[in-house]
N, C-alpha and C. Protein backbone atom coordinates (compact mmCIF):
# COMPACT_ATOMS: atom_id res chain seq x y z
N MET A 1 -45.72 59.31 23.87
CA MET A 1 -46.07 58.32 22.93
C MET A 1 -44.81 57.54 22.55
N THR A 2 -44.95 56.24 22.49
CA THR A 2 -43.81 55.38 22.19
C THR A 2 -43.96 54.83 20.78
N THR A 3 -42.89 54.89 20.02
CA THR A 3 -42.93 54.32 18.67
C THR A 3 -42.14 53.01 18.66
N ILE A 4 -42.69 52.08 17.97
CA ILE A 4 -42.03 50.77 17.85
C ILE A 4 -41.46 50.68 16.44
N THR A 5 -40.19 50.46 16.39
CA THR A 5 -39.55 50.31 15.08
C THR A 5 -39.19 48.85 14.86
N ALA A 6 -39.33 48.42 13.65
CA ALA A 6 -39.02 47.02 13.32
C ALA A 6 -37.53 46.92 13.00
N ARG A 7 -36.84 46.10 13.79
CA ARG A 7 -35.41 45.86 13.55
C ARG A 7 -35.23 44.38 13.26
N PRO A 8 -34.45 44.04 12.26
CA PRO A 8 -34.23 42.62 11.99
C PRO A 8 -33.47 41.98 13.15
N ALA A 9 -33.86 40.81 13.47
CA ALA A 9 -33.21 40.10 14.56
C ALA A 9 -31.82 39.65 14.10
N PRO A 10 -30.75 40.11 14.75
CA PRO A 10 -29.41 39.76 14.31
C PRO A 10 -29.13 38.26 14.44
N ARG A 11 -29.70 37.62 15.42
CA ARG A 11 -29.47 36.18 15.59
C ARG A 11 -30.10 35.39 14.45
N LEU A 12 -31.30 35.78 14.06
CA LEU A 12 -31.98 35.09 12.97
C LEU A 12 -31.22 35.26 11.66
N LEU A 13 -30.73 36.46 11.43
CA LEU A 13 -29.94 36.72 10.23
C LEU A 13 -28.65 35.93 10.25
N LEU A 14 -27.98 35.88 11.38
CA LEU A 14 -26.74 35.11 11.50
C LEU A 14 -27.00 33.62 11.28
N LEU A 15 -28.07 33.11 11.85
CA LEU A 15 -28.43 31.71 11.66
C LEU A 15 -28.70 31.41 10.19
N PHE A 16 -29.41 32.28 9.52
CA PHE A 16 -29.69 32.10 8.10
C PHE A 16 -28.39 32.07 7.28
N LEU A 17 -27.47 32.98 7.56
CA LEU A 17 -26.20 33.02 6.84
C LEU A 17 -25.35 31.78 7.11
N LEU A 18 -25.37 31.28 8.33
CA LEU A 18 -24.62 30.06 8.65
C LEU A 18 -25.18 28.85 7.91
N VAL A 19 -26.50 28.74 7.87
CA VAL A 19 -27.12 27.62 7.15
C VAL A 19 -26.81 27.73 5.66
N LEU A 20 -26.89 28.91 5.10
CA LEU A 20 -26.57 29.11 3.69
C LEU A 20 -25.11 28.76 3.40
N ALA A 21 -24.20 29.15 4.25
CA ALA A 21 -22.78 28.84 4.07
C ALA A 21 -22.55 27.32 4.15
N ALA A 22 -23.22 26.66 5.09
CA ALA A 22 -23.08 25.20 5.23
C ALA A 22 -23.58 24.49 3.98
N LEU A 23 -24.69 24.96 3.43
CA LEU A 23 -25.21 24.34 2.21
C LEU A 23 -24.28 24.55 1.03
N LEU A 24 -23.69 25.72 0.94
CA LEU A 24 -22.74 25.98 -0.14
C LEU A 24 -21.50 25.11 -0.04
N VAL A 25 -20.97 24.97 1.17
CA VAL A 25 -19.78 24.14 1.37
C VAL A 25 -20.11 22.68 1.08
N ALA A 26 -21.25 22.21 1.51
CA ALA A 26 -21.63 20.81 1.27
C ALA A 26 -21.81 20.54 -0.22
N GLY A 27 -22.30 21.51 -0.95
CA GLY A 27 -22.52 21.32 -2.38
C GLY A 27 -21.25 21.39 -3.21
N CYS A 28 -20.16 21.87 -2.64
CA CYS A 28 -18.92 22.00 -3.40
C CYS A 28 -18.24 20.66 -3.64
N ASP A 29 -18.56 19.64 -2.87
CA ASP A 29 -17.89 18.35 -2.96
C ASP A 29 -18.64 17.39 -3.87
N ARG A 30 -19.21 17.89 -4.95
CA ARG A 30 -19.97 17.03 -5.87
C ARG A 30 -19.06 16.18 -6.73
N ARG A 31 -17.83 16.59 -6.88
CA ARG A 31 -16.87 15.85 -7.70
C ARG A 31 -15.53 15.86 -6.98
N PRO A 32 -14.78 14.78 -7.11
CA PRO A 32 -13.44 14.80 -6.53
C PRO A 32 -12.53 15.69 -7.38
N SER A 33 -11.51 16.22 -6.77
CA SER A 33 -10.57 17.05 -7.53
C SER A 33 -9.76 16.17 -8.47
N GLU A 34 -9.23 16.75 -9.52
CA GLU A 34 -8.44 15.98 -10.48
C GLU A 34 -7.18 15.43 -9.80
N ALA A 35 -6.60 16.19 -8.88
CA ALA A 35 -5.42 15.71 -8.16
C ALA A 35 -5.76 14.47 -7.33
N HIS A 36 -6.92 14.49 -6.67
CA HIS A 36 -7.36 13.33 -5.89
C HIS A 36 -7.60 12.12 -6.79
N VAL A 37 -8.21 12.35 -7.93
CA VAL A 37 -8.47 11.26 -8.89
C VAL A 37 -7.15 10.64 -9.33
N ARG A 38 -6.18 11.48 -9.71
CA ARG A 38 -4.87 10.97 -10.14
C ARG A 38 -4.19 10.19 -9.03
N GLN A 39 -4.26 10.71 -7.82
CA GLN A 39 -3.62 10.05 -6.67
C GLN A 39 -4.23 8.67 -6.41
N GLU A 40 -5.54 8.57 -6.44
CA GLU A 40 -6.21 7.28 -6.20
C GLU A 40 -5.89 6.27 -7.32
N ILE A 41 -5.89 6.73 -8.56
CA ILE A 41 -5.59 5.84 -9.69
C ILE A 41 -4.13 5.37 -9.60
N LEU A 42 -3.22 6.29 -9.30
CA LEU A 42 -1.81 5.93 -9.17
C LEU A 42 -1.62 4.88 -8.07
N ALA A 43 -2.27 5.07 -6.94
CA ALA A 43 -2.15 4.11 -5.84
C ALA A 43 -2.68 2.74 -6.24
N ALA A 44 -3.81 2.73 -6.95
CA ALA A 44 -4.40 1.45 -7.37
C ALA A 44 -3.52 0.73 -8.39
N GLU A 45 -2.98 1.45 -9.34
CA GLU A 45 -2.18 0.83 -10.40
C GLU A 45 -0.81 0.39 -9.91
N THR A 46 -0.23 1.10 -8.96
CA THR A 46 1.09 0.70 -8.47
C THR A 46 1.01 -0.35 -7.37
N ALA A 47 -0.15 -0.52 -6.75
CA ALA A 47 -0.32 -1.55 -5.72
C ALA A 47 -0.09 -2.94 -6.29
N VAL A 48 -0.29 -3.10 -7.58
CA VAL A 48 -0.09 -4.40 -8.23
C VAL A 48 1.36 -4.85 -8.10
N PHE A 49 2.29 -3.89 -8.04
CA PHE A 49 3.71 -4.22 -8.05
C PHE A 49 4.34 -4.20 -6.66
N THR A 50 3.53 -4.39 -5.61
CA THR A 50 4.03 -4.37 -4.24
C THR A 50 5.14 -5.40 -4.07
N GLY A 51 6.27 -4.94 -3.55
CA GLY A 51 7.42 -5.81 -3.36
C GLY A 51 8.42 -5.72 -4.50
N PHE A 52 8.01 -5.14 -5.62
CA PHE A 52 8.88 -5.01 -6.79
C PHE A 52 8.95 -3.56 -7.27
N GLU A 53 8.73 -2.62 -6.37
CA GLU A 53 8.68 -1.21 -6.73
C GLU A 53 9.97 -0.71 -7.36
N GLU A 54 11.09 -1.31 -7.00
CA GLU A 54 12.37 -0.82 -7.55
C GLU A 54 12.50 -1.08 -9.05
N PHE A 55 11.61 -1.89 -9.61
CA PHE A 55 11.65 -2.18 -11.04
C PHE A 55 10.71 -1.28 -11.85
N ILE A 56 10.05 -0.33 -11.18
CA ILE A 56 9.15 0.60 -11.85
C ILE A 56 9.81 1.98 -11.84
N ALA A 57 10.15 2.48 -13.02
CA ALA A 57 10.81 3.79 -13.13
C ALA A 57 9.81 4.92 -12.90
N SER A 58 8.65 4.84 -13.56
CA SER A 58 7.66 5.90 -13.40
C SER A 58 6.28 5.38 -13.77
N THR A 59 5.30 6.03 -13.20
CA THR A 59 3.90 5.75 -13.52
C THR A 59 3.25 7.10 -13.76
N ASP A 60 2.72 7.29 -14.96
CA ASP A 60 2.12 8.56 -15.35
C ASP A 60 0.61 8.37 -15.52
N VAL A 61 -0.17 9.23 -14.89
CA VAL A 61 -1.63 9.18 -14.97
C VAL A 61 -2.12 10.45 -15.64
N VAL A 62 -2.88 10.29 -16.74
CA VAL A 62 -3.48 11.44 -17.44
C VAL A 62 -4.99 11.23 -17.42
N VAL A 63 -5.72 12.14 -16.79
CA VAL A 63 -7.18 12.07 -16.76
C VAL A 63 -7.69 12.66 -18.07
N LEU A 64 -8.40 11.84 -18.84
CA LEU A 64 -8.88 12.26 -20.16
C LEU A 64 -10.26 12.90 -20.12
N ASN A 65 -11.14 12.34 -19.28
CA ASN A 65 -12.53 12.81 -19.25
C ASN A 65 -13.15 12.41 -17.93
N THR A 66 -14.13 13.16 -17.47
CA THR A 66 -14.85 12.81 -16.24
C THR A 66 -16.33 13.07 -16.44
N TRP A 67 -17.17 12.28 -15.75
CA TRP A 67 -18.61 12.48 -15.78
C TRP A 67 -19.25 11.75 -14.62
N LYS A 68 -20.51 12.07 -14.37
CA LYS A 68 -21.29 11.37 -13.33
C LYS A 68 -22.28 10.45 -14.01
N GLU A 69 -22.46 9.28 -13.40
CA GLU A 69 -23.33 8.26 -13.97
C GLU A 69 -24.03 7.55 -12.81
N ASP A 70 -25.32 7.76 -12.65
CA ASP A 70 -26.10 7.12 -11.58
C ASP A 70 -25.49 7.33 -10.19
N GLY A 71 -25.07 8.55 -9.89
CA GLY A 71 -24.52 8.85 -8.58
C GLY A 71 -23.07 8.42 -8.39
N ILE A 72 -22.48 7.89 -9.43
CA ILE A 72 -21.09 7.44 -9.38
C ILE A 72 -20.27 8.38 -10.26
N PHE A 73 -19.12 8.79 -9.77
CA PHE A 73 -18.22 9.63 -10.54
C PHE A 73 -17.30 8.72 -11.34
N VAL A 74 -17.20 8.95 -12.64
CA VAL A 74 -16.36 8.13 -13.52
C VAL A 74 -15.27 9.01 -14.11
N ALA A 75 -14.04 8.51 -14.05
CA ALA A 75 -12.91 9.21 -14.66
C ALA A 75 -12.24 8.28 -15.66
N ARG A 76 -12.21 8.68 -16.90
CA ARG A 76 -11.47 7.91 -17.91
C ARG A 76 -10.04 8.44 -17.89
N ALA A 77 -9.09 7.52 -17.73
CA ALA A 77 -7.69 7.94 -17.62
C ALA A 77 -6.79 6.99 -18.40
N ARG A 78 -5.64 7.54 -18.77
CA ARG A 78 -4.61 6.75 -19.43
C ARG A 78 -3.44 6.65 -18.45
N VAL A 79 -3.02 5.41 -18.17
CA VAL A 79 -1.93 5.16 -17.24
C VAL A 79 -0.78 4.53 -18.02
N THR A 80 0.41 5.11 -17.89
CA THR A 80 1.60 4.58 -18.54
C THR A 80 2.60 4.18 -17.45
N ILE A 81 3.02 2.92 -17.50
CA ILE A 81 3.97 2.40 -16.51
C ILE A 81 5.26 2.07 -17.25
N VAL A 82 6.38 2.63 -16.77
CA VAL A 82 7.68 2.44 -17.41
C VAL A 82 8.56 1.60 -16.48
N PRO A 83 9.04 0.45 -16.97
CA PRO A 83 9.91 -0.38 -16.13
C PRO A 83 11.35 0.13 -16.14
N GLN A 84 12.12 -0.33 -15.15
CA GLN A 84 13.55 -0.03 -15.13
C GLN A 84 14.29 -1.27 -14.67
N GLY A 85 15.57 -1.30 -14.93
CA GLY A 85 16.37 -2.47 -14.54
C GLY A 85 16.39 -3.48 -15.67
N ASP A 86 16.90 -4.65 -15.37
CA ASP A 86 16.95 -5.71 -16.39
C ASP A 86 16.57 -7.04 -15.77
N MET A 87 16.50 -8.05 -16.61
CA MET A 87 16.07 -9.37 -16.14
C MET A 87 17.07 -9.98 -15.16
N GLU A 88 18.35 -9.63 -15.28
CA GLU A 88 19.36 -10.14 -14.34
C GLU A 88 19.07 -9.66 -12.92
N GLN A 89 18.75 -8.37 -12.79
CA GLN A 89 18.42 -7.82 -11.47
C GLN A 89 17.17 -8.49 -10.91
N LEU A 90 16.18 -8.69 -11.77
CA LEU A 90 14.94 -9.34 -11.33
C LEU A 90 15.22 -10.77 -10.92
N ASN A 91 16.05 -11.46 -11.68
CA ASN A 91 16.40 -12.84 -11.35
C ASN A 91 17.11 -12.91 -10.00
N ARG A 92 18.04 -11.98 -9.73
CA ARG A 92 18.73 -11.95 -8.43
C ARG A 92 17.74 -11.72 -7.30
N LYS A 93 16.79 -10.86 -7.52
CA LYS A 93 15.78 -10.61 -6.48
C LYS A 93 14.96 -11.87 -6.23
N LEU A 94 14.55 -12.54 -7.30
CA LEU A 94 13.74 -13.75 -7.14
C LEU A 94 14.53 -14.87 -6.47
N GLU A 95 15.82 -14.95 -6.75
CA GLU A 95 16.65 -15.97 -6.10
C GLU A 95 16.81 -15.71 -4.61
N SER A 96 16.74 -14.44 -4.21
CA SER A 96 16.91 -14.09 -2.80
C SER A 96 15.64 -14.34 -1.97
N VAL A 97 14.52 -14.59 -2.64
CA VAL A 97 13.26 -14.81 -1.93
C VAL A 97 13.17 -16.29 -1.54
N THR A 98 12.93 -16.52 -0.26
CA THR A 98 12.81 -17.91 0.21
C THR A 98 11.43 -18.45 -0.12
N PRO A 99 11.29 -19.78 -0.18
CA PRO A 99 9.97 -20.36 -0.44
C PRO A 99 8.92 -19.92 0.58
N GLU A 100 9.33 -19.76 1.83
CA GLU A 100 8.38 -19.31 2.86
C GLU A 100 7.87 -17.90 2.56
N GLN A 101 8.78 -17.03 2.09
CA GLN A 101 8.36 -15.68 1.75
C GLN A 101 7.41 -15.70 0.55
N MET A 102 7.70 -16.54 -0.43
CA MET A 102 6.82 -16.65 -1.61
C MET A 102 5.44 -17.13 -1.20
N ILE A 103 5.37 -18.12 -0.33
CA ILE A 103 4.08 -18.65 0.12
C ILE A 103 3.31 -17.59 0.91
N SER A 104 4.04 -16.83 1.75
CA SER A 104 3.36 -15.81 2.55
C SER A 104 2.80 -14.69 1.68
N LYS A 105 3.43 -14.40 0.55
CA LYS A 105 2.94 -13.36 -0.35
C LYS A 105 1.77 -13.85 -1.18
N GLY A 106 1.68 -15.15 -1.38
CA GLY A 106 0.54 -15.77 -2.06
C GLY A 106 0.33 -15.25 -3.47
N LEU A 107 -0.93 -15.13 -3.82
CA LEU A 107 -1.32 -14.74 -5.17
C LEU A 107 -0.88 -13.32 -5.50
N GLN A 108 -0.92 -12.44 -4.51
CA GLN A 108 -0.51 -11.05 -4.76
C GLN A 108 0.96 -10.98 -5.14
N GLY A 109 1.81 -11.75 -4.48
CA GLY A 109 3.23 -11.76 -4.80
C GLY A 109 3.48 -12.33 -6.19
N ALA A 110 2.76 -13.40 -6.52
CA ALA A 110 2.91 -14.00 -7.85
C ALA A 110 2.44 -13.04 -8.94
N THR A 111 1.34 -12.33 -8.68
CA THR A 111 0.83 -11.36 -9.64
C THR A 111 1.83 -10.22 -9.84
N ALA A 112 2.42 -9.73 -8.75
CA ALA A 112 3.41 -8.66 -8.85
C ALA A 112 4.61 -9.13 -9.65
N MET A 113 5.09 -10.33 -9.37
CA MET A 113 6.25 -10.87 -10.07
C MET A 113 5.96 -11.01 -11.57
N MET A 114 4.81 -11.56 -11.90
CA MET A 114 4.45 -11.75 -13.31
C MET A 114 4.26 -10.39 -14.01
N GLY A 115 3.69 -9.43 -13.30
CA GLY A 115 3.50 -8.10 -13.88
C GLY A 115 4.82 -7.43 -14.20
N VAL A 116 5.77 -7.52 -13.27
CA VAL A 116 7.08 -6.93 -13.51
C VAL A 116 7.80 -7.65 -14.64
N MET A 117 7.71 -8.97 -14.66
CA MET A 117 8.34 -9.73 -15.75
C MET A 117 7.77 -9.31 -17.10
N GLY A 118 6.46 -9.17 -17.18
CA GLY A 118 5.83 -8.74 -18.42
C GLY A 118 6.30 -7.37 -18.86
N LEU A 119 6.40 -6.44 -17.90
CA LEU A 119 6.88 -5.09 -18.23
C LEU A 119 8.33 -5.12 -18.69
N MET A 120 9.15 -5.94 -18.03
CA MET A 120 10.57 -6.01 -18.40
C MET A 120 10.72 -6.56 -19.82
N LEU A 121 9.87 -7.49 -20.19
CA LEU A 121 9.97 -8.10 -21.52
C LEU A 121 9.41 -7.21 -22.63
N THR A 122 8.33 -6.49 -22.34
CA THR A 122 7.65 -5.73 -23.39
C THR A 122 7.97 -4.24 -23.40
N GLY A 123 8.45 -3.72 -22.30
CA GLY A 123 8.71 -2.28 -22.23
C GLY A 123 7.52 -1.54 -21.63
N PRO A 124 7.47 -0.23 -21.79
CA PRO A 124 6.38 0.55 -21.18
C PRO A 124 5.00 0.04 -21.58
N ALA A 125 4.09 0.07 -20.63
CA ALA A 125 2.72 -0.37 -20.88
C ALA A 125 1.78 0.81 -20.67
N THR A 126 0.81 0.95 -21.57
CA THR A 126 -0.19 2.00 -21.46
C THR A 126 -1.57 1.35 -21.40
N VAL A 127 -2.34 1.78 -20.42
CA VAL A 127 -3.68 1.25 -20.21
C VAL A 127 -4.65 2.42 -20.17
N GLU A 128 -5.77 2.28 -20.86
CA GLU A 128 -6.83 3.30 -20.78
C GLU A 128 -8.04 2.61 -20.18
N ALA A 129 -8.59 3.20 -19.12
CA ALA A 129 -9.70 2.56 -18.43
C ALA A 129 -10.60 3.61 -17.78
N ASP A 130 -11.79 3.16 -17.36
CA ASP A 130 -12.71 3.99 -16.60
C ASP A 130 -12.57 3.62 -15.13
N TYR A 131 -12.31 4.60 -14.29
CA TYR A 131 -12.14 4.40 -12.86
C TYR A 131 -13.38 4.95 -12.17
N LEU A 132 -14.05 4.13 -11.37
CA LEU A 132 -15.30 4.52 -10.74
C LEU A 132 -15.08 4.91 -9.28
N PHE A 133 -15.61 6.09 -8.92
CA PHE A 133 -15.47 6.61 -7.57
C PHE A 133 -16.85 6.72 -6.93
N ARG A 134 -16.90 6.43 -5.64
CA ARG A 134 -18.14 6.54 -4.88
C ARG A 134 -17.89 7.48 -3.69
N LYS A 135 -18.88 8.31 -3.41
CA LYS A 135 -18.80 9.24 -2.28
C LYS A 135 -19.04 8.46 -1.00
N THR A 136 -18.12 8.58 -0.03
CA THR A 136 -18.26 7.93 1.26
C THR A 136 -18.14 8.98 2.36
N ASP A 137 -18.24 8.55 3.60
CA ASP A 137 -18.06 9.47 4.72
C ASP A 137 -16.64 10.04 4.76
N ASN A 138 -15.68 9.31 4.18
CA ASN A 138 -14.28 9.74 4.18
C ASN A 138 -13.89 10.46 2.90
N GLY A 139 -14.85 10.79 2.06
CA GLY A 139 -14.56 11.47 0.80
C GLY A 139 -14.77 10.52 -0.37
N TRP A 140 -14.20 10.86 -1.49
CA TRP A 140 -14.35 10.06 -2.70
C TRP A 140 -13.36 8.91 -2.68
N MET A 141 -13.86 7.68 -2.94
CA MET A 141 -13.03 6.48 -2.92
C MET A 141 -13.15 5.74 -4.24
N LEU A 142 -12.02 5.29 -4.77
CA LEU A 142 -12.01 4.45 -5.96
C LEU A 142 -12.51 3.07 -5.56
N PHE A 143 -13.52 2.56 -6.27
CA PHE A 143 -14.05 1.25 -5.89
C PHE A 143 -14.08 0.25 -7.04
N ASP A 144 -13.87 0.67 -8.28
CA ASP A 144 -13.89 -0.28 -9.37
C ASP A 144 -13.19 0.29 -10.60
N VAL A 145 -12.72 -0.60 -11.46
CA VAL A 145 -12.06 -0.20 -12.69
C VAL A 145 -12.69 -0.99 -13.84
N ARG A 146 -13.09 -0.27 -14.89
CA ARG A 146 -13.60 -0.92 -16.10
C ARG A 146 -12.55 -0.79 -17.19
N ARG A 147 -12.04 -1.91 -17.63
CA ARG A 147 -11.01 -1.87 -18.67
C ARG A 147 -11.62 -2.21 -20.01
């Protein structure tokens, strides 16, 4: 007489565990890390000063609060930008720029120059804003700022 014993199929169990692990890993990326948020905000805020980076001593980003709103991740942060140097150094830099270079930089160059001039005249600037992130195929991306 032959007895049949029920044994769980190891392949089916392995497949179930793999699917469960994949779902857990996929669900872990519901929010960007605070380090990623700070990095994206820092990149966005310092991009304004492209070409004049030597006049920025430091940029500090403090994430105050985070939440999700209609599928969008929102991070409220305070950004402090500290200038360095003086108006004489800035003036020498501006004198060294040819008209062709100024034209090629266009509005972005003029915005950077005006931003640095404003910082040099007023001192450190602090901005508090909401930074909006959207989930993409490449991870979380900063796509808008509400000031």
